[in-house]
Amino acid sequence: MKFVLLLMILISLGGCTGPQNKLIGTWKMVSDKEDIYFTFQKDNDLNVNNQIYVKYFITKNNEIVIGEEKPVPFTIKKNTLTIQQESLVLTLVKVKQKE
């Protein structure tokens, strides 16, 4: 009986999608000038256009830290990621992965 309860708890926790889990994947920056892709990985690696590699972290206050930068607010609504850093606002759209 205890095993079944433990298994149910583990399954329900595994199904939770916190902010970091929603970040995982590739996002394209909305821009008229050039295509810039941000790929967030589960191990906190972030690469930008396969040229820049840094670590990212989510704080307890649900802010994002990219590389050595200070924590900044971010939101994910449907397939849009918005990162606000002072007067700069980055808007990224989730890229569908080919199967």
Protein backbone atom coordinates (compact mmCIF):
# COMPACT_ATOMS: atom_id res chain seq x y z
CA MET A 1 0.00 0.00 0.00
CA LYS A 2 2.82 2.43 0.87
CA PHE A 3 4.55 1.59 -2.42
CA VAL A 4 1.43 2.47 -4.42
CA LEU A 5 1.08 5.81 -2.58
CA LEU A 6 4.76 6.63 -3.16
CA LEU A 7 4.43 5.72 -6.85
CA MET A 8 1.37 7.97 -7.22
CA ILE A 9 3.22 10.89 -5.60
CA LEU A 10 6.24 10.42 -7.89
CA ILE A 11 4.04 10.29 -10.99
CA SER A 12 2.18 13.45 -9.98
CA LEU A 13 5.44 15.29 -9.31
CA GLY A 14 6.85 14.20 -12.64
CA GLY A 15 3.88 15.70 -14.39
CA CYS A 16 4.44 19.15 -12.93
CA THR A 17 5.65 21.69 -15.42
CA GLY A 18 7.52 24.41 -13.61
CA PRO A 19 8.90 27.49 -15.33
CA GLN A 20 12.24 25.83 -16.06
CA ASN A 21 10.59 22.84 -17.75
CA LYS A 22 8.57 25.18 -19.95
CA LEU A 23 11.81 26.85 -21.09
CA ILE A 24 13.36 23.63 -22.39
CA GLY A 25 13.61 23.69 -26.17
CA THR A 26 14.47 26.11 -28.95
CA TRP A 27 13.07 29.61 -29.21
CA LYS A 28 13.41 32.05 -32.11
CA MET A 29 13.78 35.74 -31.39
CA VAL A 30 11.17 37.87 -33.12
CA SER A 31 13.25 40.19 -35.30
CA ASP A 32 13.22 41.62 -38.81
CA LYS A 33 17.01 41.72 -39.02
CA GLU A 34 18.27 38.18 -38.50
CA ASP A 35 17.28 34.77 -37.13
CA ILE A 36 18.53 34.26 -33.58
CA TYR A 37 17.79 30.97 -31.84
CA PHE A 38 18.01 30.33 -28.10
CA THR A 39 18.18 26.66 -27.07
CA PHE A 40 17.51 26.00 -23.37
CA GLN A 41 18.55 22.54 -22.16
CA LYS A 42 17.60 20.58 -19.04
CA ASP A 43 21.14 20.81 -17.62
CA ASN A 44 20.92 24.63 -17.47
CA ASP A 45 22.96 25.06 -20.66
CA LEU A 46 21.85 27.76 -23.04
CA ASN A 47 23.23 28.22 -26.52
CA VAL A 48 22.51 31.04 -28.88
CA ASN A 49 22.83 30.20 -32.59
CA ASN A 50 25.33 27.47 -31.66
CA GLN A 51 27.89 30.23 -31.12
CA ILE A 52 27.40 31.47 -27.56
CA TYR A 53 27.24 28.99 -24.69
CA VAL A 54 26.29 30.05 -21.15
CA LYS A 55 24.45 28.72 -18.13
CA TYR A 56 20.98 29.89 -17.12
CA PHE A 57 19.14 29.55 -13.83
CA ILE A 58 15.68 30.24 -12.49
CA THR A 59 15.65 31.99 -9.11
CA LYS A 60 13.27 31.35 -6.23
CA ASN A 61 11.44 34.52 -7.34
CA ASN A 62 10.88 33.00 -10.82
CA GLU A 63 13.36 35.31 -12.50
CA ILE A 64 15.94 34.15 -15.03
CA VAL A 65 19.70 34.59 -14.77
CA ILE A 66 21.57 34.20 -18.05
CA GLY A 67 25.33 33.89 -17.77
CA GLU A 68 26.73 36.57 -15.46
CA GLU A 69 23.74 38.89 -15.84
CA LYS A 70 21.50 39.91 -12.93
CA PRO A 71 18.12 38.17 -12.47
CA VAL A 72 15.36 39.57 -14.67
CA PRO A 73 11.64 38.83 -15.01
CA PHE A 74 10.36 36.48 -17.68
CA THR A 75 6.99 35.11 -18.71
CA ILE A 76 5.84 32.24 -20.86
CA LYS A 77 2.37 32.50 -22.38
CA LYS A 78 1.42 29.75 -24.81
CA ASN A 79 4.36 29.63 -27.25
CA THR A 80 5.80 33.05 -26.45
CA LEU A 81 8.69 33.74 -24.06
CA THR A 82 9.25 37.33 -22.95
CA ILE A 83 12.40 38.37 -21.06
CA GLN A 84 12.54 41.93 -19.75
CA GLN A 85 15.91 43.46 -18.96
CA GLU A 86 15.50 47.10 -17.96
CA SER A 87 14.36 48.90 -21.14
CA LEU A 88 15.12 45.91 -23.42
CA VAL A 89 12.37 43.37 -24.01
CA LEU A 90 13.20 40.10 -25.79
CA THR A 91 10.29 38.29 -27.38
CA LEU A 92 10.88 34.69 -28.49
CA VAL A 93 8.56 32.16 -30.11
CA LYS A 94 8.87 28.43 -29.47
CA VAL A 95 10.20 26.47 -32.46
CA LYS A 96 8.46 23.20 -33.16
CA GLN A 97 10.92 20.32 -33.15
CA LYS A 98 11.00 18.00 -36.13
CA GLU A 99 10.13 14.46 -35.17
